[in-house]
Amino acid sequence: MSNGIKNTMLLSNLESVPGHEILRQIDVVYGSTVRSKHVGRDFLAGLKNIVGGELTAYTELLEESRQEAMQRMVEKAKGLGANAVVGIRFSTSNIAQGASELFVYGTAVVVQPIVPKLPDPFSS
């Protein structure tokens, strides 16, 4: 493709990519990571839980997990020849005491930009 999307993976939680046409649906792709809590984070979170407020250590852990799972999904999509993933969804589940999985999935597709047809300036 010479449209500039070759090295960019477009990601959408919609069933399409706005301004693009889906040329080919490839397959479902996913990425996941399992993370466990850190004893120090648990202790500090317990203290924070008493006084209230955001548990920033867990917020950071969740953000890192999201990024890692997304990167794994994107790599799978690239490996299949996709340049976009649509219908992206996240899911979490407890695996064991203190360990959780973050799972992301979507449909790998090939898209191209929709080029609007300009009006013919010479037609009457």
C-alpha atoms as a PDB file:
ATOM      1  CA  MET A   1       0.000   0.000   0.000  1.00  0.00           C
ATOM      2  CA  SER A   2       1.301   3.417  -0.804  1.00  0.00           C
ATOM      3  CA  ASN A   3      -1.327   5.376   1.103  1.00  0.00           C
ATOM      4  CA  GLY A   4       0.825   6.074   4.154  1.00  0.00           C
ATOM      5  CA  ILE A   5      -0.930   3.591   6.457  1.00  0.00           C
ATOM      6  CA  LYS A   6       1.519   0.784   5.698  1.00  0.00           C
ATOM      7  CA  ASN A   7       3.431   1.116   8.981  1.00  0.00           C
ATOM      8  CA  THR A   8       0.581   2.462  11.093  1.00  0.00           C
ATOM      9  CA  MET A   9      -1.994   0.264  12.803  1.00  0.00           C
ATOM     10  CA  LEU A  10      -5.379   1.973  13.026  1.00  0.00           C
ATOM     11  CA  LEU A  11      -7.338   0.984  16.132  1.00  0.00           C
ATOM     12  CA  SER A  12     -11.073   1.458  16.626  1.00  0.00           C
ATOM     13  CA  ASN A  13     -13.629   0.307  19.162  1.00  0.00           C
ATOM     14  CA  LEU A  14     -16.234   0.826  16.415  1.00  0.00           C
ATOM     15  CA  GLU A  15     -17.042  -1.826  13.828  1.00  0.00           C
ATOM     16  CA  SER A  16     -15.276   0.330  11.233  1.00  0.00           C
ATOM     17  CA  VAL A  17     -12.606   3.009  10.931  1.00  0.00           C
ATOM     18  CA  PRO A  18     -14.177   6.390  10.169  1.00  0.00           C
ATOM     19  CA  GLY A  19     -13.134   7.677   6.766  1.00  0.00           C
ATOM     20  CA  HIS A  20     -11.947   4.225   5.664  1.00  0.00           C
ATOM     21  CA  GLU A  21     -13.395   1.310   3.751  1.00  0.00           C
ATOM     22  CA  ILE A  22     -12.789  -2.265   4.926  1.00  0.00           C
ATOM     23  CA  LEU A  23     -11.315  -4.183   1.997  1.00  0.00           C
ATOM     24  CA  ARG A  24     -10.740  -7.494   3.765  1.00  0.00           C
ATOM     25  CA  GLN A  25     -11.626  -9.014   7.116  1.00  0.00           C
ATOM     26  CA  ILE A  26      -8.772 -11.251   8.272  1.00  0.00           C
ATOM     27  CA  ASP A  27      -9.350 -12.813  11.695  1.00  0.00           C
ATOM     28  CA  VAL A  28      -9.944 -12.180  15.377  1.00  0.00           C
ATOM     29  CA  VAL A  29      -6.775 -11.041  17.142  1.00  0.00           C
ATOM     30  CA  TYR A  30      -6.101 -10.712  20.845  1.00  0.00           C
ATOM     31  CA  GLY A  31      -3.490  -9.850  23.404  1.00  0.00           C
ATOM     32  CA  SER A  32      -3.357 -10.561  27.087  1.00  0.00           C
ATOM     33  CA  THR A  33      -1.197 -10.174  30.131  1.00  0.00           C
ATOM     34  CA  VAL A  34      -1.463 -11.594  33.627  1.00  0.00           C
ATOM     35  CA  ARG A  35      -0.218  -9.406  36.434  1.00  0.00           C
ATOM     36  CA  SER A  36       0.082  -9.998  40.137  1.00  0.00           C
ATOM     37  CA  LYS A  37      -0.069  -7.438  42.887  1.00  0.00           C
ATOM     38  CA  HIS A  38       3.065  -6.361  44.696  1.00  0.00           C
ATOM     39  CA  VAL A  39       3.123  -6.755  48.498  1.00  0.00           C
ATOM     40  CA  GLY A  40       4.357  -3.173  48.943  1.00  0.00           C
ATOM     41  CA  ARG A  41       1.637  -1.847  46.655  1.00  0.00           C
ATOM     42  CA  ASP A  42      -0.961  -3.880  48.566  1.00  0.00           C
ATOM     43  CA  PHE A  43       0.165  -2.408  51.876  1.00  0.00           C
ATOM     44  CA  LEU A  44       0.122   1.177  50.585  1.00  0.00           C
ATOM     45  CA  ALA A  45      -3.204   0.570  48.828  1.00  0.00           C
ATOM     46  CA  GLY A  46      -4.639  -0.734  52.094  1.00  0.00           C
ATOM     47  CA  LEU A  47      -3.601   2.471  53.842  1.00  0.00           C
ATOM     48  CA  LYS A  48      -5.008   4.593  51.017  1.00  0.00           C
ATOM     49  CA  ASN A  49      -8.236   2.576  51.187  1.00  0.00           C
ATOM     50  CA  ILE A  50      -8.697   3.687  54.799  1.00  0.00           C
ATOM     51  CA  VAL A  51      -8.405   7.404  54.021  1.00  0.00           C
ATOM     52  CA  GLY A  52      -9.916   7.237  50.531  1.00  0.00           C
ATOM     53  CA  GLY A  53      -8.672   8.427  47.183  1.00  0.00           C
ATOM     54  CA  GLU A  54      -7.206   6.972  44.025  1.00  0.00           C
ATOM     55  CA  LEU A  55      -4.983   3.924  44.297  1.00  0.00           C
ATOM     56  CA  THR A  56      -2.357   5.286  41.915  1.00  0.00           C
ATOM     57  CA  ALA A  57      -0.101   2.221  42.140  1.00  0.00           C
ATOM     58  CA  TYR A  58      -2.943   0.077  40.798  1.00  0.00           C
ATOM     59  CA  THR A  59      -3.905   2.695  38.209  1.00  0.00           C
ATOM     60  CA  GLU A  60      -0.326   2.589  36.889  1.00  0.00           C
ATOM     61  CA  LEU A  61      -0.299  -1.221  36.935  1.00  0.00           C
ATOM     62  CA  LEU A  62      -3.551  -1.350  34.975  1.00  0.00           C
ATOM     63  CA  GLU A  63      -2.289   1.173  32.410  1.00  0.00           C
ATOM     64  CA  GLU A  64       0.921  -0.836  31.906  1.00  0.00           C
ATOM     65  CA  SER A  65      -1.180  -3.987  31.487  1.00  0.00           C
ATOM     66  CA  ARG A  66      -3.438  -2.310  28.897  1.00  0.00           C
ATOM     67  CA  GLN A  67      -0.456  -1.113  26.884  1.00  0.00           C
ATOM     68  CA  GLU A  68       1.224  -4.525  26.954  1.00  0.00           C
ATOM     69  CA  ALA A  69      -1.946  -6.392  25.929  1.00  0.00           C
ATOM     70  CA  MET A  70      -2.654  -3.875  23.131  1.00  0.00           C
ATOM     71  CA  GLN A  71       0.908  -4.181  21.811  1.00  0.00           C
ATOM     72  CA  ARG A  72       0.577  -7.976  21.693  1.00  0.00           C
ATOM     73  CA  MET A  73      -2.715  -7.702  19.802  1.00  0.00           C
ATOM     74  CA  VAL A  74      -1.226  -5.211  17.316  1.00  0.00           C
ATOM     75  CA  GLU A  75       1.772  -7.495  16.679  1.00  0.00           C
ATOM     76  CA  LYS A  76      -0.574 -10.395  15.887  1.00  0.00           C
ATOM     77  CA  ALA A  77      -2.607  -8.202  13.533  1.00  0.00           C
ATOM     78  CA  LYS A  78       0.558  -6.994  11.752  1.00  0.00           C
ATOM     79  CA  GLY A  79       1.705 -10.601  11.419  1.00  0.00           C
ATOM     80  CA  LEU A  80      -1.531 -11.395   9.572  1.00  0.00           C
ATOM     81  CA  GLY A  81      -1.067  -8.457   7.182  1.00  0.00           C
ATOM     82  CA  ALA A  82      -3.681  -6.151   8.725  1.00  0.00           C
ATOM     83  CA  ASN A  83      -3.383  -2.394   8.894  1.00  0.00           C
ATOM     84  CA  ALA A  84      -6.299  -1.910  11.314  1.00  0.00           C
ATOM     85  CA  VAL A  85      -8.133  -3.593  14.171  1.00  0.00           C
ATOM     86  CA  VAL A  86     -11.832  -2.848  14.642  1.00  0.00           C
ATOM     87  CA  GLY A  87     -14.356  -3.746  17.327  1.00  0.00           C
ATOM     88  CA  ILE A  88     -11.744  -3.571  20.102  1.00  0.00           C
ATOM     89  CA  ARG A  89     -12.937  -4.698  23.524  1.00  0.00           C
ATOM     90  CA  PHE A  90     -11.242  -5.167  26.903  1.00  0.00           C
ATOM     91  CA  SER A  91     -11.956  -7.785  29.521  1.00  0.00           C
ATOM     92  CA  THR A  92     -10.469  -8.541  32.921  1.00  0.00           C
ATOM     93  CA  SER A  93     -10.641 -11.607  35.118  1.00  0.00           C
ATOM     94  CA  ASN A  94      -9.106 -12.938  38.300  1.00  0.00           C
ATOM     95  CA  ILE A  95      -6.759 -15.848  37.609  1.00  0.00           C
ATOM     96  CA  ALA A  96      -5.597 -16.610  41.155  1.00  0.00           C
ATOM     97  CA  GLN A  97      -5.360 -14.894  44.511  1.00  0.00           C
ATOM     98  CA  GLY A  98      -3.742 -11.549  43.756  1.00  0.00           C
ATOM     99  CA  ALA A  99      -3.330 -12.166  39.995  1.00  0.00           C
ATOM    100  CA  SER A 100      -5.517 -10.775  37.222  1.00  0.00           C
ATOM    101  CA  GLU A 101      -5.615 -11.090  33.458  1.00  0.00           C
ATOM    102  CA  LEU A 102      -6.259  -8.173  31.148  1.00  0.00           C
ATOM    103  CA  PHE A 103      -7.483  -9.374  27.744  1.00  0.00           C
ATOM    104  CA  VAL A 104      -8.039  -7.238  24.633  1.00  0.00           C
ATOM    105  CA  TYR A 105      -9.484  -8.456  21.347  1.00  0.00           C
ATOM    106  CA  GLY A 106     -10.751  -7.197  18.022  1.00  0.00           C
ATOM    107  CA  THR A 107     -10.992  -8.025  14.327  1.00  0.00           C
ATOM    108  CA  ALA A 108      -7.910  -7.582  12.131  1.00  0.00           C
ATOM    109  CA  VAL A 109      -8.806  -5.959   8.815  1.00  0.00           C
ATOM    110  CA  VAL A 110      -7.269  -4.257   5.806  1.00  0.00           C
ATOM    111  CA  VAL A 111      -8.641  -0.769   5.200  1.00  0.00           C
ATOM    112  CA  GLN A 112      -8.070   2.045   2.763  1.00  0.00           C
ATOM    113  CA  PRO A 113      -9.056   5.692   3.043  1.00  0.00           C
ATOM    114  CA  ILE A 114     -12.242   6.716   1.313  1.00  0.00           C
ATOM    115  CA  VAL A 115     -11.316   9.380  -1.187  1.00  0.00           C
ATOM    116  CA  PRO A 116     -14.303  11.635  -1.791  1.00  0.00           C
ATOM    117  CA  LYS A 117     -15.106  12.268  -5.418  1.00  0.00           C
ATOM    118  CA  LEU A 118     -14.684  15.931  -6.150  1.00  0.00           C
ATOM    119  CA  PRO A 119     -17.258  17.636  -8.327  1.00  0.00           C
ATOM    120  CA  ASP A 120     -16.273  18.077 -11.963  1.00  0.00           C
ATOM    121  CA  PRO A 121     -15.660  21.823 -12.419  1.00  0.00           C
ATOM    122  CA  PHE A 122     -16.331  21.516 -16.160  1.00  0.00           C
ATOM    123  CA  SER A 123     -19.755  19.909 -15.994  1.00  0.00           C
ATOM    124  CA  SER A 124     -22.781  22.145 -16.342  1.00  0.00           C
END
